[in-house]
Amino acid sequence: MYARYQRALPKKWHGLAAVFTALGDEHRQRILLMFRRSEELTIKQIVDACPLSRTAAAHHIGVLRDAGVLRAEKRGKAVYLRPDPATVTAALNGLRDYIREEFE
């Protein structure tokens, strides 16, 4: 067993952890699944489609944005969101590389 479990996560894991934490919640998964290929949705569209309160939905959107899973662009008064598949792919690849390095 590695004693390094007790220490902080390595820096290369910080981005991975944020993505997996963001995707680990069912409400955030449902928000991500609202998008079709190349589709952008406004925050209002997502909030209106969620069974959550506006505050709760905004919190979950914020977690996805902070992790880089959703990208935002403000146009006029509306904020348009779109998934960033490259961020999720990079996290999955990072996990795969770690498993290969440590366990194979």
PDB file of N, CA and C in Angstrom:
ATOM      1  N   MET A   1       0.856  -1.182   0.000  1.00  0.00           N
ATOM      2  CA  MET A   1       0.000   0.000   0.000  1.00  0.00           C
ATOM      3  C   MET A   1       0.896   1.237   0.000  1.00  0.00           C
ATOM      4  N   TYR A   2       0.462   2.242  -0.782  1.00  0.00           N
ATOM      5  CA  TYR A   2       1.204   3.487  -0.841  1.00  0.00           C
ATOM      6  C   TYR A   2       0.844   4.373   0.341  1.00  0.00           C
ATOM      7  N   ALA A   3       1.857   4.943   0.962  1.00  0.00           N
ATOM      8  CA  ALA A   3       1.628   5.874   2.073  1.00  0.00           C
ATOM      9  C   ALA A   3       1.184   7.235   1.554  1.00  0.00           C
ATOM     10  N   ARG A   4       1.349   7.480   0.261  1.00  0.00           N
ATOM     11  CA  ARG A   4       1.035   8.803  -0.281  1.00  0.00           C
ATOM     12  C   ARG A   4      -0.459   9.105  -0.302  1.00  0.00           C
ATOM     13  N   TYR A   5      -1.296   8.137   0.043  1.00  0.00           N
ATOM     14  CA  TYR A   5      -2.733   8.388   0.128  1.00  0.00           C
ATOM     15  C   TYR A   5      -3.034   9.520   1.097  1.00  0.00           C
ATOM     16  N   GLN A   6      -2.263   9.617   2.134  1.00  0.00           N
ATOM     17  CA  GLN A   6      -2.494  10.617   3.171  1.00  0.00           C
ATOM     18  C   GLN A   6      -2.113  12.016   2.731  1.00  0.00           C
ATOM     19  N   ARG A   7      -1.325  12.126   1.690  1.00  0.00           N
ATOM     20  CA  ARG A   7      -0.922  13.441   1.204  1.00  0.00           C
ATOM     21  C   ARG A   7      -1.948  14.003   0.240  1.00  0.00           C
ATOM     22  N   ALA A   8      -1.763  15.250  -0.113  1.00  0.00           N
ATOM     23  CA  ALA A   8      -2.682  15.905  -1.062  1.00  0.00           C
ATOM     24  C   ALA A   8      -2.591  15.237  -2.430  1.00  0.00           C
ATOM     25  N   LEU A   9      -3.654  15.411  -3.209  1.00  0.00           N
ATOM     26  CA  LEU A   9      -3.645  14.884  -4.568  1.00  0.00           C
ATOM     27  C   LEU A   9      -2.539  15.547  -5.378  1.00  0.00           C
ATOM     28  N   PRO A  10      -1.877  14.786  -6.250  1.00  0.00           N
ATOM     29  CA  PRO A  10      -0.864  15.394  -7.120  1.00  0.00           C
ATOM     30  C   PRO A  10      -1.500  16.458  -8.007  1.00  0.00           C
ATOM     31  N   LYS A  11      -0.720  17.445  -8.408  1.00  0.00           N
ATOM     32  CA  LYS A  11      -1.254  18.538  -9.230  1.00  0.00           C
ATOM     33  C   LYS A  11      -1.907  18.042 -10.514  1.00  0.00           C
ATOM     34  N   LYS A  12      -1.337  16.995 -11.118  1.00  0.00           N
ATOM     35  CA  LYS A  12      -1.914  16.509 -12.381  1.00  0.00           C
ATOM     36  C   LYS A  12      -3.301  15.911 -12.178  1.00  0.00           C
ATOM     37  N   TRP A  13      -3.675  15.607 -10.948  1.00  0.00           N
ATOM     38  CA  TRP A  13      -4.985  15.046 -10.652  1.00  0.00           C
ATOM     39  C   TRP A  13      -6.045  16.112 -10.391  1.00  0.00           C
ATOM     40  N   HIS A  14      -5.654  17.347 -10.143  1.00  0.00           N
ATOM     41  CA  HIS A  14      -6.629  18.376  -9.781  1.00  0.00           C
ATOM     42  C   HIS A  14      -7.706  18.555 -10.854  1.00  0.00           C
ATOM     43  N   GLY A  15      -7.303  18.674 -12.097  1.00  0.00           N
ATOM     44  CA  GLY A  15      -8.270  18.822 -13.175  1.00  0.00           C
ATOM     45  C   GLY A  15      -9.116  17.572 -13.357  1.00  0.00           C
ATOM     46  N   LEU A  16      -8.468  16.411 -13.231  1.00  0.00           N
ATOM     47  CA  LEU A  16      -9.209  15.155 -13.347  1.00  0.00           C
ATOM     48  C   LEU A  16     -10.265  15.056 -12.255  1.00  0.00           C
ATOM     49  N   ALA A  17      -9.862  15.367 -11.044  1.00  0.00           N
ATOM     50  CA  ALA A  17     -10.783  15.260  -9.905  1.00  0.00           C
ATOM     51  C   ALA A  17     -11.976  16.186 -10.092  1.00  0.00           C
ATOM     52  N   ALA A  18     -11.740  17.378 -10.588  1.00  0.00           N
ATOM     53  CA  ALA A  18     -12.837  18.329 -10.784  1.00  0.00           C
ATOM     54  C   ALA A  18     -13.847  17.807 -11.803  1.00  0.00           C
ATOM     55  N   VAL A  19     -13.358  17.221 -12.881  1.00  0.00           N
ATOM     56  CA  VAL A  19     -14.257  16.686 -13.913  1.00  0.00           C
ATOM     57  C   VAL A  19     -15.053  15.509 -13.354  1.00  0.00           C
ATOM     58  N   PHE A  20     -14.370  14.587 -12.682  1.00  0.00           N
ATOM     59  CA  PHE A  20     -15.074  13.419 -12.161  1.00  0.00           C
ATOM     60  C   PHE A  20     -16.038  13.800 -11.044  1.00  0.00           C
ATOM     61  N   THR A  21     -15.687  14.777 -10.247  1.00  0.00           N
ATOM     62  CA  THR A  21     -16.603  15.264  -9.218  1.00  0.00           C
ATOM     63  C   THR A  21     -17.837  15.882  -9.865  1.00  0.00           C
ATOM     64  N   ALA A  22     -17.611  16.692 -10.899  1.00  0.00           N
ATOM     65  CA  ALA A  22     -18.734  17.329 -11.600  1.00  0.00           C
ATOM     66  C   ALA A  22     -19.657  16.292 -12.223  1.00  0.00           C
ATOM     67  N   LEU A  23     -19.082  15.238 -12.778  1.00  0.00           N
ATOM     68  CA  LEU A  23     -19.887  14.226 -13.451  1.00  0.00           C
ATOM     69  C   LEU A  23     -20.434  13.170 -12.494  1.00  0.00           C
ATOM     70  N   GLY A  24     -20.042  13.250 -11.230  1.00  0.00           N
ATOM     71  CA  GLY A  24     -20.472  12.258 -10.255  1.00  0.00           C
ATOM     72  C   GLY A  24     -21.856  12.495  -9.680  1.00  0.00           C
ATOM     73  N   ASP A  25     -22.490  13.582 -10.046  1.00  0.00           N
ATOM     74  CA  ASP A  25     -23.810  13.912  -9.519  1.00  0.00           C
ATOM     75  C   ASP A  25     -24.868  13.669 -10.590  1.00  0.00           C
ATOM     76  N   GLU A  26     -25.952  13.011 -10.212  1.00  0.00           N
ATOM     77  CA  GLU A  26     -27.007  12.668 -11.170  1.00  0.00           C
ATOM     78  C   GLU A  26     -27.647  13.904 -11.806  1.00  0.00           C
ATOM     79  N   HIS A  27     -27.848  14.957 -11.047  1.00  0.00           N
ATOM     80  CA  HIS A  27     -28.457  16.169 -11.617  1.00  0.00           C
ATOM     81  C   HIS A  27     -27.540  16.788 -12.665  1.00  0.00           C
ATOM     82  N   ARG A  28     -26.253  16.798 -12.397  1.00  0.00           N
ATOM     83  CA  ARG A  28     -25.308  17.358 -13.367  1.00  0.00           C
ATOM     84  C   ARG A  28     -25.220  16.472 -14.607  1.00  0.00           C
ATOM     85  N   GLN A  29     -25.319  15.160 -14.426  1.00  0.00           N
ATOM     86  CA  GLN A  29     -25.343  14.259 -15.583  1.00  0.00           C
ATOM     87  C   GLN A  29     -26.569  14.551 -16.443  1.00  0.00           C
ATOM     88  N   ARG A  30     -27.715  14.762 -15.801  1.00  0.00           N
ATOM     89  CA  ARG A  30     -28.939  15.052 -16.552  1.00  0.00           C
ATOM     90  C   ARG A  30     -28.839  16.376 -17.305  1.00  0.00           C
ATOM     91  N   ILE A  31     -28.206  17.359 -16.672  1.00  0.00           N
ATOM     92  CA  ILE A  31     -28.012  18.649 -17.355  1.00  0.00           C
ATOM     93  C   ILE A  31     -27.157  18.436 -18.596  1.00  0.00           C
ATOM     94  N   LEU A  32     -26.089  17.691 -18.467  1.00  0.00           N
ATOM     95  CA  LEU A  32     -25.209  17.442 -19.607  1.00  0.00           C
ATOM     96  C   LEU A  32     -25.935  16.674 -20.709  1.00  0.00           C
ATOM     97  N   LEU A  33     -26.807  15.764 -20.323  1.00  0.00           N
ATOM     98  CA  LEU A  33     -27.545  14.965 -21.307  1.00  0.00           C
ATOM     99  C   LEU A  33     -28.656  15.747 -22.011  1.00  0.00           C
ATOM    100  N   MET A  34     -28.938  16.974 -21.575  1.00  0.00           N
ATOM    101  CA  MET A  34     -29.930  17.808 -22.254  1.00  0.00           C
ATOM    102  C   MET A  34     -29.442  18.271 -23.626  1.00  0.00           C
ATOM    103  N   PHE A  35     -28.141  18.331 -23.802  1.00  0.00           N
ATOM    104  CA  PHE A  35     -27.570  18.885 -25.025  1.00  0.00           C
ATOM    105  C   PHE A  35     -27.556  17.849 -26.146  1.00  0.00           C
ATOM    106  N   ARG A  36     -27.914  18.310 -27.342  1.00  0.00           N
ATOM    107  CA  ARG A  36     -27.719  17.507 -28.550  1.00  0.00           C
ATOM    108  C   ARG A  36     -26.383  17.906 -29.149  1.00  0.00           C
ATOM    109  N   ARG A  37     -25.936  17.151 -30.115  1.00  0.00           N
ATOM    110  CA  ARG A  37     -24.654  17.439 -30.773  1.00  0.00           C
ATOM    111  C   ARG A  37     -24.630  18.877 -31.285  1.00  0.00           C
ATOM    112  N   SER A  38     -23.588  19.599 -30.948  1.00  0.00           N
ATOM    113  CA  SER A  38     -23.354  20.985 -31.387  1.00  0.00           C
ATOM    114  C   SER A  38     -24.424  21.958 -30.926  1.00  0.00           C
ATOM    115  N   GLU A  39     -25.212  21.598 -29.942  1.00  0.00           N
ATOM    116  CA  GLU A  39     -26.279  22.477 -29.463  1.00  0.00           C
ATOM    117  C   GLU A  39     -25.776  23.372 -28.337  1.00  0.00           C
ATOM    118  N   GLU A  40     -26.300  24.571 -28.316  1.00  0.00           N
ATOM    119  CA  GLU A  40     -26.068  25.502 -27.221  1.00  0.00           C
ATOM    120  C   GLU A  40     -27.405  25.749 -26.534  1.00  0.00           C
ATOM    121  N   LEU A  41     -27.377  25.826 -25.223  1.00  0.00           N
ATOM    122  CA  LEU A  41     -28.570  26.137 -24.451  1.00  0.00           C
ATOM    123  C   LEU A  41     -28.274  27.315 -23.548  1.00  0.00           C
ATOM    124  N   THR A  42     -29.284  28.114 -23.303  1.00  0.00           N
ATOM    125  CA  THR A  42     -29.103  29.210 -22.343  1.00  0.00           C
ATOM    126  C   THR A  42     -29.301  28.657 -20.936  1.00  0.00           C
ATOM    127  N   ILE A  43     -28.795  29.405 -19.984  1.00  0.00           N
ATOM    128  CA  ILE A  43     -29.005  29.017 -18.596  1.00  0.00           C
ATOM    129  C   ILE A  43     -30.501  28.947 -18.306  1.00  0.00           C
ATOM    130  N   LYS A  44     -31.250  29.898 -18.839  1.00  0.00           N
ATOM    131  CA  LYS A  44     -32.704  29.906 -18.623  1.00  0.00           C
ATOM    132  C   LYS A  44     -33.357  28.644 -19.170  1.00  0.00           C
ATOM    133  N   GLN A  45     -32.951  28.188 -20.351  1.00  0.00           N
ATOM    134  CA  GLN A  45     -33.524  26.964 -20.918  1.00  0.00           C
ATOM    135  C   GLN A  45     -33.246  25.762 -20.015  1.00  0.00           C
ATOM    136  N   ILE A  46     -32.050  25.693 -19.487  1.00  0.00           N
ATOM    137  CA  ILE A  46     -31.697  24.575 -18.611  1.00  0.00           C
ATOM    138  C   ILE A  46     -32.486  24.653 -17.311  1.00  0.00           C
ATOM    139  N   VAL A  47     -32.527  25.833 -16.708  1.00  0.00           N
ATOM    140  CA  VAL A  47     -33.259  26.018 -15.446  1.00  0.00           C
ATOM    141  C   VAL A  47     -34.733  25.678 -15.641  1.00  0.00           C
ATOM    142  N   ASP A  48     -35.323  26.125 -16.736  1.00  0.00           N
ATOM    143  CA  ASP A  48     -36.735  25.864 -16.995  1.00  0.00           C
ATOM    144  C   ASP A  48     -37.024  24.369 -17.194  1.00  0.00           C
ATOM    145  N   ALA A  49     -36.041  23.626 -17.705  1.00  0.00           N
ATOM    146  CA  ALA A  49     -36.230  22.199 -17.962  1.00  0.00           C
ATOM    147  C   ALA A  49     -35.927  21.327 -16.743  1.00  0.00           C
ATOM    148  N   CYS A  50     -35.281  21.896 -15.752  1.00  0.00           N
ATOM    149  CA  CYS A  50     -34.902  21.142 -14.553  1.00  0.00           C
ATOM    150  C   CYS A  50     -36.036  21.123 -13.532  1.00  0.00           C
ATOM    151  N   PRO A  51     -36.183  20.006 -12.821  1.00  0.00           N
ATOM    152  CA  PRO A  51     -37.161  19.965 -11.738  1.00  0.00           C
ATOM    153  C   PRO A  51     -36.623  20.621 -10.461  1.00  0.00           C
ATOM    154  N   LEU A  52     -35.417  21.142 -10.534  1.00  0.00           N
ATOM    155  CA  LEU A  52     -34.763  21.761  -9.376  1.00  0.00           C
ATOM    156  C   LEU A  52     -35.148  23.231  -9.261  1.00  0.00           C
ATOM    157  N   SER A  53     -34.888  23.797  -8.099  1.00  0.00           N
ATOM    158  CA  SER A  53     -35.072  25.236  -7.943  1.00  0.00           C
ATOM    159  C   SER A  53     -34.054  25.955  -8.823  1.00  0.00           C
ATOM    160  N   ARG A  54     -34.321  27.200  -9.091  1.00  0.00           N
ATOM    161  CA  ARG A  54     -33.393  28.005  -9.904  1.00  0.00           C
ATOM    162  C   ARG A  54     -32.010  28.038  -9.258  1.00  0.00           C
ATOM    163  N   THR A  55     -31.969  28.200  -7.949  1.00  0.00           N
ATOM    164  CA  THR A  55     -30.701  28.261  -7.224  1.00  0.00           C
ATOM    165  C   THR A  55     -29.931  26.952  -7.338  1.00  0.00           C
ATOM    166  N   ALA A  56     -30.626  25.828  -7.158  1.00  0.00           N
ATOM    167  CA  ALA A  56     -29.970  24.518  -7.242  1.00  0.00           C
ATOM    168  C   ALA A  56     -29.463  24.255  -8.654  1.00  0.00           C
ATOM    169  N   ALA A  57     -30.284  24.561  -9.650  1.00  0.00           N
ATOM    170  CA  ALA A  57     -29.869  24.358 -11.042  1.00  0.00           C
ATOM    171  C   ALA A  57     -28.658  25.224 -11.365  1.00  0.00           C
ATOM    172  N   ALA A  58     -28.676  26.470 -10.925  1.00  0.00           N
ATOM    173  CA  ALA A  58     -27.539  27.374 -11.164  1.00  0.00           C
ATOM    174  C   ALA A  58     -26.281  26.848 -10.493  1.00  0.00           C
ATOM    175  N   HIS A  59     -26.421  26.288  -9.307  1.00  0.00           N
ATOM    176  CA  HIS A  59     -25.261  25.706  -8.611  1.00  0.00           C
ATOM    177  C   HIS A  59     -24.667  24.569  -9.445  1.00  0.00           C
ATOM    178  N   HIS A  60     -25.507  23.661  -9.923  1.00  0.00           N
ATOM    179  CA  HIS A  60     -25.015  22.521 -10.701  1.00  0.00           C
ATOM    180  C   HIS A  60     -24.379  22.980 -12.015  1.00  0.00           C
ATOM    181  N   ILE A  61     -24.970  23.975 -12.646  1.00  0.00           N
ATOM    182  CA  ILE A  61     -24.372  24.532 -13.864  1.00  0.00           C
ATOM    183  C   ILE A  61     -23.006  25.120 -13.536  1.00  0.00           C
ATOM    184  N   GLY A  62     -22.897  25.811 -12.414  1.00  0.00           N
ATOM    185  CA  GLY A  62     -21.619  26.394 -11.998  1.00  0.00           C
ATOM    186  C   GLY A  62     -20.547  25.354 -11.768  1.00  0.00           C
ATOM    187  N   VAL A  63     -20.911  24.238 -11.159  1.00  0.00           N
ATOM    188  CA  VAL A  63     -19.937  23.160 -10.933  1.00  0.00           C
ATOM    189  C   VAL A  63     -19.443  22.618 -12.270  1.00  0.00           C
ATOM    190  N   LEU A  64     -20.347  22.421 -13.214  1.00  0.00           N
ATOM    191  CA  LEU A  64     -19.953  21.936 -14.542  1.00  0.00           C
ATOM    192  C   LEU A  64     -19.070  22.947 -15.266  1.00  0.00           C
ATOM    193  N   ARG A  65     -19.379  24.218 -15.121  1.00  0.00           N
ATOM    194  CA  ARG A  65     -18.552  25.272 -15.744  1.00  0.00           C
ATOM    195  C   ARG A  65     -17.174  25.331 -15.095  1.00  0.00           C
ATOM    196  N   ASP A  66     -17.129  25.297 -13.772  1.00  0.00           N
ATOM    197  CA  ASP A  66     -15.846  25.372 -13.062  1.00  0.00           C
ATOM    198  C   ASP A  66     -14.927  24.206 -13.428  1.00  0.00           C
ATOM    199  N   ALA A  67     -15.512  23.051 -13.683  1.00  0.00           N
ATOM    200  CA  ALA A  67     -14.722  21.871 -14.057  1.00  0.00           C
ATOM    201  C   ALA A  67     -14.325  21.886 -15.533  1.00  0.00           C
ATOM    202  N   GLY A  68     -14.911  22.805 -16.307  1.00  0.00           N
ATOM    203  CA  GLY A  68     -14.597  22.887 -17.728  1.00  0.00           C
ATOM    204  C   GLY A  68     -15.447  21.969 -18.586  1.00  0.00           C
ATOM    205  N   VAL A  69     -16.426  21.298 -17.981  1.00  0.00           N
ATOM    206  CA  VAL A  69     -17.296  20.390 -18.733  1.00  0.00           C
ATOM    207  C   VAL A  69     -18.252  21.188 -19.608  1.00  0.00           C
ATOM    208  N   LEU A  70     -18.679  22.354 -19.136  1.00  0.00           N
ATOM    209  CA  LEU A  70     -19.497  23.267 -19.926  1.00  0.00           C
ATOM    210  C   LEU A  70     -18.721  24.556 -20.166  1.00  0.00           C
ATOM    211  N   ARG A  71     -18.821  25.074 -21.362  1.00  0.00           N
ATOM    212  CA  ARG A  71     -18.240  26.370 -21.720  1.00  0.00           C
ATOM    213  C   ARG A  71     -19.368  27.373 -21.861  1.00  0.00           C
ATOM    214  N   ALA A  72     -19.099  28.603 -21.480  1.00  0.00           N
ATOM    215  CA  ALA A  72     -20.134  29.642 -21.511  1.00  0.00           C
ATOM    216  C   ALA A  72     -19.689  30.797 -22.396  1.00  0.00           C
ATOM    217  N   GLU A  73     -20.689  31.402 -23.042  1.00  0.00           N
ATOM    218  CA  GLU A  73     -20.453  32.596 -23.847  1.00  0.00           C
ATOM    219  C   GLU A  73     -21.644  33.522 -23.648  1.00  0.00           C
ATOM    220  N   LYS A  74     -21.356  34.741 -23.229  1.00  0.00           N
ATOM    221  CA  LYS A  74     -22.430  35.715 -23.025  1.00  0.00           C
ATOM    222  C   LYS A  74     -22.700  36.435 -24.338  1.00  0.00           C
ATOM    223  N   ARG A  75     -23.977  36.457 -24.713  1.00  0.00           N
ATOM    224  CA  ARG A  75     -24.426  37.185 -25.894  1.00  0.00           C
ATOM    225  C   ARG A  75     -25.613  38.020 -25.477  1.00  0.00           C
ATOM    226  N   GLY A  76     -25.408  39.302 -25.453  1.00  0.00           N
ATOM    227  CA  GLY A  76     -26.462  40.186 -24.965  1.00  0.00           C
ATOM    228  C   GLY A  76     -26.703  39.908 -23.493  1.00  0.00           C
ATOM    229  N   LYS A  77     -27.939  39.658 -23.135  1.00  0.00           N
ATOM    230  CA  LYS A  77     -28.271  39.365 -21.745  1.00  0.00           C
ATOM    231  C   LYS A  77     -28.225  37.877 -21.422  1.00  0.00           C
ATOM    232  N   ALA A  78     -28.162  37.039 -22.434  1.00  0.00           N
ATOM    233  CA  ALA A  78     -28.201  35.593 -22.230  1.00  0.00           C
ATOM    234  C   ALA A  78     -26.795  35.001 -22.194  1.00  0.00           C
ATOM    235  N   VAL A  79     -26.650  33.951 -21.394  1.00  0.00           N
ATOM    236  CA  VAL A  79     -25.410  33.174 -21.356  1.00  0.00           C
ATOM    237  C   VAL A  79     -25.703  31.831 -22.013  1.00  0.00           C
ATOM    238  N   TYR A  80     -24.968  31.540 -23.088  1.00  0.00           N
ATOM    239  CA  TYR A  80     -25.135  30.292 -23.812  1.00  0.00           C
ATOM    240  C   TYR A  80     -24.080  29.300 -23.347  1.00  0.00           C
ATOM    241  N   LEU A  81     -24.519  28.076 -23.127  1.00  0.00           N
ATOM    242  CA  LEU A  81     -23.633  27.012 -22.663  1.00  0.00           C
ATOM    243  C   LEU A  81     -23.537  25.935 -23.719  1.00  0.00           C
ATOM    244  N   ARG A  82     -22.377  25.298 -23.761  1.00  0.00           N
ATOM    245  CA  ARG A  82     -22.187  24.144 -24.641  1.00  0.00           C
ATOM    246  C   ARG A  82     -21.192  23.198 -23.960  1.00  0.00           C
ATOM    247  N   PRO A  83     -21.360  21.914 -24.147  1.00  0.00           N
ATOM    248  CA  PRO A  83     -20.416  20.955 -23.567  1.00  0.00           C
ATOM    249  C   PRO A  83     -19.045  21.081 -24.216  1.00  0.00           C
ATOM    250  N   ASP A  84     -18.021  20.771 -23.442  1.00  0.00           N
ATOM    251  CA  ASP A  84     -16.659  20.741 -23.965  1.00  0.00           C
ATOM    252  C   ASP A  84     -16.156  19.300 -23.886  1.00  0.00           C
ATOM    253  N   PRO A  85     -16.376  18.521 -24.950  1.00  0.00           N
ATOM    254  CA  PRO A  85     -15.986  17.111 -24.910  1.00  0.00           C
ATOM    255  C   PRO A  85     -14.486  16.912 -24.721  1.00  0.00           C
ATOM    256  N   ALA A  86     -13.679  17.874 -25.135  1.00  0.00           N
ATOM    257  CA  ALA A  86     -12.229  17.737 -24.990  1.00  0.00           C
ATOM    258  C   ALA A  86     -11.822  17.648 -23.517  1.00  0.00           C
ATOM    259  N   THR A  87     -12.508  18.378 -22.650  1.00  0.00           N
ATOM    260  CA  THR A  87     -12.202  18.342 -21.224  1.00  0.00           C
ATOM    261  C   THR A  87     -12.505  16.968 -20.645  1.00  0.00           C
ATOM    262  N   VAL A  88     -13.648  16.420 -20.982  1.00  0.00           N
ATOM    263  CA  VAL A  88     -14.025  15.094 -20.476  1.00  0.00           C
ATOM    264  C   VAL A  88     -13.093  14.028 -21.045  1.00  0.00           C
ATOM    265  N   THR A  89     -12.784  14.121 -22.327  1.00  0.00           N
ATOM    266  CA  THR A  89     -11.874  13.164 -22.956  1.00  0.00           C
ATOM    267  C   THR A  89     -10.495  13.217 -22.307  1.00  0.00           C
ATOM    268  N   ALA A  90     -10.002  14.417 -22.024  1.00  0.00           N
ATOM    269  CA  ALA A  90      -8.691  14.555 -21.378  1.00  0.00           C
ATOM    270  C   ALA A  90      -8.692  13.921 -19.991  1.00  0.00           C
ATOM    271  N   ALA A  91      -9.784  14.081 -19.249  1.00  0.00           N
ATOM    272  CA  ALA A  91      -9.874  13.468 -17.918  1.00  0.00           C
ATOM    273  C   ALA A  91      -9.880  11.948 -18.030  1.00  0.00           C
ATOM    274  N   LEU A  92     -10.645  11.419 -18.968  1.00  0.00           N
ATOM    275  CA  LEU A  92     -10.679   9.966 -19.158  1.00  0.00           C
ATOM    276  C   LEU A  92      -9.313   9.434 -19.585  1.00  0.00           C
ATOM    277  N   ASN A  93      -8.652  10.148 -20.485  1.00  0.00           N
ATOM    278  CA  ASN A  93      -7.313   9.742 -20.919  1.00  0.00           C
ATOM    279  C   ASN A  93      -6.312   9.801 -19.767  1.00  0.00           C
ATOM    280  N   GLY A  94      -6.419  10.827 -18.936  1.00  0.00           N
ATOM    281  CA  GLY A  94      -5.534  10.932 -17.775  1.00  0.00           C
ATOM    282  C   GLY A  94      -5.715   9.773 -16.822  1.00  0.00           C
ATOM    283  N   LEU A  95      -6.949   9.386 -16.589  1.00  0.00           N
ATOM    284  CA  LEU A  95      -7.232   8.241 -15.727  1.00  0.00           C
ATOM    285  C   LEU A  95      -6.699   6.956 -16.361  1.00  0.00           C
ATOM    286  N   ARG A  96      -6.935   6.797 -17.652  1.00  0.00           N
ATOM    287  CA  ARG A  96      -6.432   5.622 -18.362  1.00  0.00           C
ATOM    288  C   ARG A  96      -4.910   5.537 -18.282  1.00  0.00           C
ATOM    289  N   ASP A  97      -4.229   6.663 -18.489  1.00  0.00           N
ATOM    290  CA  ASP A  97      -2.763   6.683 -18.417  1.00  0.00           C
ATOM    291  C   ASP A  97      -2.273   6.318 -17.025  1.00  0.00           C
ATOM    292  N   TYR A  98      -2.946   6.823 -16.003  1.00  0.00           N
ATOM    293  CA  TYR A  98      -2.565   6.499 -14.630  1.00  0.00           C
ATOM    294  C   TYR A  98      -2.707   4.999 -14.373  1.00  0.00           C
ATOM    295  N   ILE A  99      -3.821   4.432 -14.822  1.00  0.00           N
ATOM    296  CA  ILE A  99      -4.044   2.993 -14.622  1.00  0.00           C
ATOM    297  C   ILE A  99      -2.973   2.189 -15.343  1.00  0.00           C
ATOM    298  N   ARG A 100      -2.630   2.570 -16.557  1.00  0.00           N
ATOM    299  CA  ARG A 100      -1.578   1.876 -17.305  1.00  0.00           C
ATOM    300  C   ARG A 100      -0.231   1.969 -16.587  1.00  0.00           C
ATOM    301  N   GLU A 101       0.107   3.172 -16.111  1.00  0.00           N
ATOM    302  CA  GLU A 101       1.401   3.386 -15.451  1.00  0.00           C
ATOM    303  C   GLU A 101       1.499   2.632 -14.128  1.00  0.00           C
ATOM    304  N   GLU A 102       0.433   2.622 -13.367  1.00  0.00           N
ATOM    305  CA  GLU A 102       0.478   2.079 -12.018  1.00  0.00           C
ATOM    306  C   GLU A 102       0.118   0.604 -11.913  1.00  0.00           C
ATOM    307  N   PHE A 103      -0.695   0.103 -12.838  1.00  0.00           N
ATOM    308  CA  PHE A 103      -1.240  -1.237 -12.640  1.00  0.00           C
ATOM    309  C   PHE A 103      -0.915  -2.250 -13.738  1.00  0.00           C
ATOM    310  N   GLU A 104      -0.381  -1.807 -14.842  1.00  0.00           N
ATOM    311  CA  GLU A 104      -0.086  -2.769 -15.912  1.00  0.00           C
ATOM    312  C   GLU A 104       1.382  -3.084 -15.953  1.00  0.00           C
TER     313      GLU A 104
END
